[in-house]
N, C-alpha and C. Protein backbone atom coordinates (compact mmCIF):
# COMPACT_ATOMS: atom_id res chain seq x y z
N MET A 1 0.85 -1.17 0.00
CA MET A 1 0.00 0.00 0.00
C MET A 1 0.90 1.24 0.00
N THR A 2 0.57 2.19 -0.82
CA THR A 2 1.33 3.43 -0.92
C THR A 2 0.79 4.45 0.08
N GLN A 3 1.71 5.06 0.80
CA GLN A 3 1.32 6.11 1.75
C GLN A 3 1.36 7.45 1.03
N HIS A 4 0.29 8.23 1.09
CA HIS A 4 0.24 9.54 0.44
C HIS A 4 0.33 10.64 1.49
N GLN A 5 1.02 11.69 1.15
CA GLN A 5 1.08 12.88 2.00
C GLN A 5 0.08 13.89 1.45
N TYR A 6 -0.80 14.37 2.28
CA TYR A 6 -1.79 15.35 1.86
C TYR A 6 -1.54 16.66 2.58
N GLN A 7 -1.74 17.72 1.90
CA GLN A 7 -1.65 19.04 2.51
C GLN A 7 -3.04 19.43 2.99
N ARG A 8 -3.12 19.97 4.23
CA ARG A 8 -4.42 20.43 4.74
C ARG A 8 -4.90 21.57 3.88
N LEU A 9 -6.17 21.60 3.62
CA LEU A 9 -6.77 22.68 2.85
C LEU A 9 -7.07 23.84 3.79
N ALA A 10 -6.60 25.00 3.45
CA ALA A 10 -6.83 26.19 4.27
C ALA A 10 -8.16 26.82 3.89
N PRO A 11 -8.92 27.30 4.88
CA PRO A 11 -10.16 28.01 4.57
C PRO A 11 -9.86 29.28 3.77
N VAL A 12 -10.81 29.66 2.96
CA VAL A 12 -10.65 30.87 2.14
C VAL A 12 -11.54 31.96 2.72
N ALA A 13 -10.91 33.05 3.14
CA ALA A 13 -11.67 34.17 3.69
C ALA A 13 -12.21 35.02 2.56
N ASP A 14 -13.39 35.60 2.79
CA ASP A 14 -13.94 36.56 1.83
C ASP A 14 -14.04 37.91 2.53
N ARG A 15 -14.59 38.90 1.86
CA ARG A 15 -14.62 40.25 2.44
C ARG A 15 -15.43 40.31 3.73
N ASP A 16 -16.43 39.43 3.89
CA ASP A 16 -17.25 39.45 5.09
C ASP A 16 -16.62 38.67 6.25
N SER A 17 -15.74 37.71 5.95
CA SER A 17 -15.20 36.86 7.00
C SER A 17 -13.72 37.07 7.31
N GLU A 18 -13.04 37.93 6.58
CA GLU A 18 -11.60 38.14 6.79
C GLU A 18 -11.29 38.52 8.24
N ASP A 19 -12.05 39.42 8.83
CA ASP A 19 -11.80 39.82 10.23
C ASP A 19 -12.02 38.65 11.19
N TRP A 20 -13.00 37.81 10.88
CA TRP A 20 -13.29 36.64 11.72
C TRP A 20 -12.10 35.68 11.72
N TRP A 21 -11.56 35.37 10.53
CA TRP A 21 -10.40 34.48 10.43
C TRP A 21 -9.18 35.12 11.11
N SER A 22 -9.01 36.42 10.97
CA SER A 22 -7.90 37.11 11.63
C SER A 22 -8.01 37.00 13.15
N ALA A 23 -9.22 37.14 13.68
CA ALA A 23 -9.43 37.02 15.12
C ALA A 23 -9.13 35.60 15.59
N LEU A 24 -9.53 34.60 14.81
CA LEU A 24 -9.20 33.22 15.19
C LEU A 24 -7.69 33.03 15.27
N ARG A 25 -6.93 33.64 14.36
CA ARG A 25 -5.46 33.55 14.42
C ARG A 25 -4.93 34.15 15.73
N ARG A 26 -5.63 35.13 16.28
CA ARG A 26 -5.25 35.74 17.55
C ARG A 26 -5.87 34.99 18.74
N HIS A 27 -6.55 33.88 18.45
CA HIS A 27 -7.24 33.07 19.46
C HIS A 27 -8.35 33.85 20.15
N GLN A 28 -9.13 34.55 19.33
CA GLN A 28 -10.30 35.28 19.80
C GLN A 28 -11.51 34.85 18.97
N LEU A 29 -12.65 34.71 19.63
CA LEU A 29 -13.90 34.46 18.92
C LEU A 29 -14.66 35.77 18.86
N ILE A 30 -14.84 36.29 17.65
CA ILE A 30 -15.63 37.51 17.46
C ILE A 30 -16.84 37.17 16.62
N LEU A 31 -17.90 37.94 16.84
CA LEU A 31 -19.13 37.77 16.07
C LEU A 31 -19.59 39.12 15.56
N GLN A 32 -20.24 39.10 14.43
CA GLN A 32 -20.82 40.34 13.91
C GLN A 32 -22.04 40.69 14.74
N GLU A 33 -22.21 41.99 14.98
CA GLU A 33 -23.40 42.49 15.65
C GLU A 33 -23.98 43.60 14.79
N CYS A 34 -25.26 43.52 14.51
CA CYS A 34 -25.93 44.56 13.73
C CYS A 34 -25.91 45.86 14.52
N ALA A 35 -25.53 46.94 13.87
CA ALA A 35 -25.48 48.25 14.53
C ALA A 35 -26.88 48.81 14.77
N MET A 36 -27.87 48.30 14.05
CA MET A 36 -29.24 48.82 14.20
C MET A 36 -30.03 48.03 15.25
N CYS A 37 -30.15 46.71 15.07
CA CYS A 37 -31.01 45.92 15.97
C CYS A 37 -30.21 45.15 17.04
N ARG A 38 -28.88 45.20 16.96
CA ARG A 38 -27.96 44.60 17.93
C ARG A 38 -27.99 43.08 17.95
N ARG A 39 -28.55 42.45 16.94
CA ARG A 39 -28.50 40.99 16.87
C ARG A 39 -27.12 40.55 16.41
N ARG A 40 -26.60 39.52 17.07
CA ARG A 40 -25.35 38.93 16.61
C ARG A 40 -25.68 37.93 15.51
N ARG A 41 -24.71 37.70 14.63
CA ARG A 41 -24.97 36.75 13.55
C ARG A 41 -23.72 35.96 13.20
N TRP A 42 -23.98 34.75 12.74
CA TRP A 42 -22.94 33.88 12.23
C TRP A 42 -23.61 32.97 11.20
N PRO A 43 -23.02 32.73 10.05
CA PRO A 43 -21.70 33.17 9.62
C PRO A 43 -21.70 34.66 9.28
N PRO A 44 -20.48 35.24 9.19
CA PRO A 44 -20.38 36.66 8.84
C PRO A 44 -20.97 36.95 7.47
N ARG A 45 -21.68 38.06 7.36
CA ARG A 45 -22.26 38.47 6.07
C ARG A 45 -22.51 39.97 6.11
N ALA A 46 -22.76 40.52 4.96
CA ALA A 46 -22.83 41.98 4.82
C ALA A 46 -24.13 42.59 5.33
N ILE A 47 -25.21 41.80 5.40
CA ILE A 47 -26.51 42.38 5.71
C ILE A 47 -27.18 41.62 6.86
N CYS A 48 -27.88 42.34 7.70
CA CYS A 48 -28.62 41.73 8.80
C CYS A 48 -29.86 41.03 8.25
N GLY A 49 -30.03 39.79 8.63
CA GLY A 49 -31.19 39.03 8.18
C GLY A 49 -32.48 39.42 8.88
N HIS A 50 -32.39 40.25 9.91
CA HIS A 50 -33.59 40.66 10.64
C HIS A 50 -34.08 42.03 10.19
N CYS A 51 -33.19 43.03 10.22
CA CYS A 51 -33.64 44.40 9.91
C CYS A 51 -33.10 44.92 8.58
N TRP A 52 -32.29 44.11 7.91
CA TRP A 52 -31.74 44.41 6.58
C TRP A 52 -30.73 45.55 6.57
N SER A 53 -30.19 45.87 7.71
CA SER A 53 -29.18 46.92 7.79
C SER A 53 -27.84 46.41 7.26
N PHE A 54 -27.10 47.31 6.62
CA PHE A 54 -25.74 47.00 6.19
C PHE A 54 -24.71 47.47 7.22
N ALA A 55 -25.17 48.07 8.32
CA ALA A 55 -24.27 48.58 9.35
C ALA A 55 -24.04 47.51 10.41
N TRP A 56 -22.78 47.20 10.67
CA TRP A 56 -22.46 46.19 11.68
C TRP A 56 -21.07 46.46 12.25
N ARG A 57 -20.78 45.76 13.36
CA ARG A 57 -19.48 45.86 14.00
C ARG A 57 -19.13 44.46 14.53
N TRP A 58 -17.84 44.25 14.81
CA TRP A 58 -17.38 43.01 15.40
C TRP A 58 -17.36 43.15 16.91
N LYS A 59 -17.82 42.12 17.61
CA LYS A 59 -17.82 42.12 19.07
C LYS A 59 -17.14 40.84 19.56
N LEU A 60 -16.27 40.98 20.54
CA LEU A 60 -15.62 39.83 21.15
C LEU A 60 -16.67 39.02 21.91
N SER A 61 -16.69 37.72 21.71
CA SER A 61 -17.66 36.87 22.38
C SER A 61 -17.00 36.21 23.59
N SER A 62 -17.53 36.48 24.75
CA SER A 62 -17.03 35.84 25.97
C SER A 62 -18.13 34.98 26.59
N THR A 63 -19.28 34.91 25.95
CA THR A 63 -20.41 34.13 26.45
C THR A 63 -20.14 32.65 26.24
N PRO A 64 -20.26 31.82 27.28
CA PRO A 64 -20.09 30.39 27.05
C PRO A 64 -21.20 29.86 26.15
N GLY A 65 -20.89 28.81 25.44
CA GLY A 65 -21.87 28.17 24.58
C GLY A 65 -22.34 26.87 25.19
N MET A 66 -23.21 26.20 24.46
CA MET A 66 -23.76 24.92 24.90
C MET A 66 -23.74 23.97 23.71
N VAL A 67 -23.29 22.75 23.91
CA VAL A 67 -23.29 21.76 22.83
C VAL A 67 -24.73 21.49 22.41
N ALA A 68 -25.04 21.80 21.15
CA ALA A 68 -26.40 21.57 20.63
C ALA A 68 -26.51 20.20 20.01
N THR A 69 -25.46 19.78 19.29
CA THR A 69 -25.43 18.45 18.67
C THR A 69 -24.01 18.14 18.27
N TRP A 70 -23.75 16.88 17.94
CA TRP A 70 -22.41 16.49 17.51
C TRP A 70 -22.48 15.18 16.73
N THR A 71 -21.44 14.95 15.95
CA THR A 71 -21.31 13.70 15.20
C THR A 71 -19.85 13.26 15.25
N ILE A 72 -19.63 12.02 14.91
CA ILE A 72 -18.27 11.50 14.75
C ILE A 72 -18.09 11.18 13.27
N THR A 73 -17.02 11.68 12.68
CA THR A 73 -16.71 11.39 11.28
C THR A 73 -15.65 10.29 11.24
N HIS A 74 -15.97 9.22 10.52
CA HIS A 74 -15.07 8.08 10.40
C HIS A 74 -14.43 7.98 9.02
N HIS A 75 -14.92 8.76 8.06
CA HIS A 75 -14.41 8.71 6.70
C HIS A 75 -13.54 9.94 6.44
N PRO A 76 -12.39 9.79 5.79
CA PRO A 76 -11.50 10.95 5.56
C PRO A 76 -11.99 11.84 4.42
N TYR A 77 -12.97 12.70 4.70
CA TYR A 77 -13.51 13.60 3.69
C TYR A 77 -12.53 14.71 3.31
N VAL A 78 -11.72 15.14 4.28
CA VAL A 78 -10.77 16.22 4.05
C VAL A 78 -9.36 15.65 4.21
N PRO A 79 -8.53 15.74 3.17
CA PRO A 79 -7.17 15.22 3.28
C PRO A 79 -6.40 15.91 4.41
N GLY A 80 -5.60 15.12 5.12
CA GLY A 80 -4.74 15.67 6.16
C GLY A 80 -5.36 15.72 7.54
N ILE A 81 -6.60 15.28 7.70
CA ILE A 81 -7.24 15.28 9.02
C ILE A 81 -7.33 13.83 9.50
N ASN A 82 -6.84 13.61 10.72
CA ASN A 82 -6.87 12.26 11.28
C ASN A 82 -8.30 11.88 11.64
N ILE A 83 -8.67 10.65 11.36
CA ILE A 83 -10.00 10.16 11.70
C ILE A 83 -9.86 9.11 12.81
N PRO A 84 -10.91 8.86 13.55
CA PRO A 84 -12.18 9.59 13.58
C PRO A 84 -12.02 10.92 14.32
N TYR A 85 -12.95 11.84 14.05
CA TYR A 85 -12.96 13.11 14.75
C TYR A 85 -14.40 13.55 14.99
N HIS A 86 -14.56 14.39 16.02
CA HIS A 86 -15.88 14.88 16.41
C HIS A 86 -16.14 16.24 15.76
N ASN A 87 -17.34 16.41 15.23
CA ASN A 87 -17.84 17.70 14.76
C ASN A 87 -18.89 18.15 15.78
N VAL A 88 -18.75 19.37 16.26
CA VAL A 88 -19.65 19.87 17.30
C VAL A 88 -20.34 21.13 16.79
N VAL A 89 -21.63 21.22 17.04
CA VAL A 89 -22.36 22.45 16.78
C VAL A 89 -22.72 23.03 18.14
N THR A 90 -22.25 24.26 18.37
CA THR A 90 -22.45 24.93 19.66
C THR A 90 -23.48 26.03 19.51
N ARG A 91 -24.35 26.12 20.50
CA ARG A 91 -25.38 27.15 20.54
C ARG A 91 -24.91 28.31 21.40
N LEU A 92 -24.93 29.50 20.81
CA LEU A 92 -24.62 30.73 21.54
C LEU A 92 -25.84 31.64 21.47
N PRO A 93 -26.14 32.37 22.54
CA PRO A 93 -27.25 33.30 22.46
C PRO A 93 -26.93 34.41 21.45
N SER A 94 -27.95 34.90 20.76
CA SER A 94 -27.72 35.92 19.73
C SER A 94 -27.45 37.30 20.33
N THR A 95 -27.67 37.45 21.62
CA THR A 95 -27.34 38.71 22.28
C THR A 95 -26.34 38.45 23.38
N ALA A 96 -25.34 39.30 23.51
CA ALA A 96 -24.32 39.12 24.53
C ALA A 96 -24.81 39.55 25.91
N ASP A 97 -25.89 40.30 25.96
CA ASP A 97 -26.43 40.80 27.22
C ASP A 97 -27.30 39.72 27.85
N PRO A 98 -26.85 39.11 28.98
CA PRO A 98 -27.61 38.02 29.60
C PRO A 98 -29.04 38.41 29.96
N GLY A 99 -29.28 39.68 30.29
CA GLY A 99 -30.62 40.11 30.65
C GLY A 99 -31.39 40.65 29.47
N GLY A 100 -30.79 40.63 28.30
CA GLY A 100 -31.41 41.20 27.11
C GLY A 100 -32.49 40.31 26.52
N GLU A 101 -33.21 40.88 25.59
CA GLU A 101 -34.27 40.17 24.90
C GLU A 101 -33.70 38.98 24.14
N ARG A 102 -34.32 37.81 24.26
CA ARG A 102 -33.88 36.61 23.55
C ARG A 102 -34.28 36.77 22.10
N ARG A 103 -33.30 36.78 21.20
CA ARG A 103 -33.57 37.10 19.80
C ARG A 103 -33.22 35.95 18.87
N GLY A 104 -33.16 34.75 19.35
CA GLY A 104 -32.76 33.63 18.52
C GLY A 104 -31.31 33.29 18.78
N ASP A 105 -30.96 32.05 18.61
CA ASP A 105 -29.61 31.61 18.93
C ASP A 105 -28.77 31.45 17.68
N LEU A 106 -27.46 31.45 17.88
CA LEU A 106 -26.50 31.19 16.82
C LEU A 106 -26.01 29.75 16.98
N PHE A 107 -25.82 29.07 15.89
CA PHE A 107 -25.30 27.71 15.90
C PHE A 107 -23.98 27.71 15.14
N ILE A 108 -22.88 27.48 15.85
CA ILE A 108 -21.55 27.62 15.27
C ILE A 108 -20.83 26.28 15.33
N PRO A 109 -20.43 25.75 14.17
CA PRO A 109 -19.74 24.47 14.14
C PRO A 109 -18.27 24.62 14.50
N GLY A 110 -17.69 23.54 14.95
CA GLY A 110 -16.26 23.50 15.24
C GLY A 110 -15.86 22.08 15.59
N SER A 111 -14.61 21.89 15.87
CA SER A 111 -14.13 20.56 16.24
C SER A 111 -14.19 20.40 17.76
N TRP A 112 -14.16 19.17 18.21
CA TRP A 112 -14.17 18.89 19.64
C TRP A 112 -12.73 18.83 20.13
N CYS A 113 -12.39 19.66 21.10
CA CYS A 113 -11.03 19.71 21.63
C CYS A 113 -10.97 19.18 23.06
N GLY A 114 -12.08 18.70 23.56
CA GLY A 114 -12.11 18.16 24.91
C GLY A 114 -11.75 16.69 24.92
N SER A 115 -11.59 16.14 26.11
CA SER A 115 -11.34 14.71 26.22
C SER A 115 -12.67 13.97 26.15
N GLY A 116 -12.64 12.72 25.75
CA GLY A 116 -13.86 11.94 25.63
C GLY A 116 -14.76 12.47 24.53
N SER A 117 -16.03 12.18 24.66
CA SER A 117 -17.01 12.63 23.67
C SER A 117 -17.79 13.82 24.20
N PRO A 118 -18.28 14.69 23.31
CA PRO A 118 -19.12 15.81 23.75
C PRO A 118 -20.43 15.30 24.36
N VAL A 119 -21.03 16.14 25.18
CA VAL A 119 -22.32 15.83 25.79
C VAL A 119 -23.27 16.96 25.44
N ILE A 120 -24.42 16.62 24.86
CA ILE A 120 -25.41 17.64 24.51
C ILE A 120 -25.83 18.38 25.77
N GLY A 121 -25.82 19.70 25.69
CA GLY A 121 -26.18 20.54 26.82
C GLY A 121 -24.99 20.98 27.66
N ALA A 122 -23.80 20.39 27.41
CA ALA A 122 -22.62 20.77 28.19
C ALA A 122 -22.18 22.19 27.85
N GLU A 123 -21.74 22.94 28.86
CA GLU A 123 -21.24 24.30 28.63
C GLU A 123 -19.82 24.22 28.07
N VAL A 124 -19.58 25.00 27.01
CA VAL A 124 -18.27 24.97 26.34
C VAL A 124 -17.74 26.38 26.11
N GLN A 125 -16.43 26.44 25.93
CA GLN A 125 -15.72 27.66 25.61
C GLN A 125 -14.99 27.43 24.28
N PRO A 126 -14.66 28.49 23.57
CA PRO A 126 -13.90 28.30 22.33
C PRO A 126 -12.49 27.79 22.63
N ALA A 127 -12.00 26.99 21.70
CA ALA A 127 -10.62 26.52 21.70
C ALA A 127 -10.11 26.77 20.29
N PHE A 128 -8.83 26.83 20.12
CA PHE A 128 -8.28 27.23 18.82
C PHE A 128 -7.21 26.24 18.39
N GLU A 129 -7.32 25.76 17.15
CA GLU A 129 -6.36 24.81 16.59
C GLU A 129 -5.55 25.51 15.51
N ASP A 130 -4.25 25.69 15.80
CA ASP A 130 -3.35 26.29 14.82
C ASP A 130 -2.84 25.18 13.90
N VAL A 131 -3.04 25.35 12.61
CA VAL A 131 -2.67 24.34 11.62
C VAL A 131 -1.57 24.90 10.73
N VAL A 132 -0.50 24.14 10.58
CA VAL A 132 0.59 24.53 9.70
C VAL A 132 0.34 23.90 8.34
N VAL A 133 0.18 24.74 7.31
CA VAL A 133 -0.04 24.26 5.95
C VAL A 133 1.30 24.00 5.29
N SER A 134 2.20 24.94 5.42
CA SER A 134 3.56 24.83 4.90
C SER A 134 4.42 25.79 5.71
N VAL A 135 5.71 25.78 5.47
CA VAL A 135 6.60 26.67 6.22
C VAL A 135 6.14 28.11 6.05
N GLY A 136 5.82 28.76 7.17
CA GLY A 136 5.40 30.15 7.14
C GLY A 136 3.92 30.36 6.84
N THR A 137 3.17 29.31 6.57
CA THR A 137 1.75 29.44 6.26
C THR A 137 0.93 28.64 7.27
N THR A 138 0.12 29.35 8.05
CA THR A 138 -0.72 28.70 9.05
C THR A 138 -2.13 29.27 8.97
N PHE A 139 -3.06 28.56 9.56
CA PHE A 139 -4.40 29.09 9.76
C PHE A 139 -4.90 28.52 11.08
N THR A 140 -5.97 29.07 11.59
CA THR A 140 -6.52 28.64 12.87
C THR A 140 -7.97 28.25 12.68
N LEU A 141 -8.33 27.11 13.26
CA LEU A 141 -9.72 26.63 13.22
C LEU A 141 -10.34 26.76 14.60
N LEU A 142 -11.65 26.93 14.61
CA LEU A 142 -12.39 27.03 15.86
C LEU A 142 -12.73 25.64 16.36
N GLY A 143 -12.53 25.45 17.65
CA GLY A 143 -12.93 24.22 18.32
C GLY A 143 -13.66 24.58 19.60
N TRP A 144 -14.12 23.55 20.29
CA TRP A 144 -14.85 23.75 21.54
C TRP A 144 -14.32 22.82 22.60
N ILE A 145 -14.25 23.32 23.82
CA ILE A 145 -13.76 22.55 24.96
C ILE A 145 -14.71 22.79 26.13
N PRO A 146 -14.97 21.76 26.94
CA PRO A 146 -15.85 21.97 28.09
C PRO A 146 -15.29 23.05 29.00
N THR A 147 -16.15 23.88 29.53
CA THR A 147 -15.73 24.97 30.40
C THR A 147 -14.90 24.46 31.57
N ALA A 148 -15.25 23.29 32.13
CA ALA A 148 -14.51 22.73 33.24
C ALA A 148 -13.07 22.40 32.87
N GLN A 149 -12.79 22.02 31.61
CA GLN A 149 -11.43 21.71 31.16
C GLN A 149 -10.69 22.97 30.75
N HIS A 150 -11.42 24.05 30.49
CA HIS A 150 -10.84 25.30 29.99
C HIS A 150 -10.11 26.04 31.11
N ASN A 151 -10.64 25.95 32.32
CA ASN A 151 -10.09 26.72 33.45
C ASN A 151 -8.80 26.15 33.96
């Protein structure tokens, strides 16, 4: 059997997500917030899906999330990623203000960086995976870790 070396595929940033990818490189999770209705949104995009405003700003997210669902991938769909691996979808409130009006939740995918398997409903914090593509070329992916393991 021949062993093949695969290069990890780097995500491609666009004009709406460039700041998001840059923040991940700094190990920060930022989300867009509409300047008009203050709803946070993910994925990044130019227009608010609620009030149709084009005005927005980036806000650092420090709100813990909750595991909404997860799967285990056993097939190597992406070259360079070891299998099996967990895919986690985390639920974050759409408003950073805990006492604020509930305006719908955000569901943000990422990899599982905790030990064992994820548990639906578990509180999680962002984790960051720095990936080396080639000498001098890296990117960072978002992952999730249980809050208890984060501290």
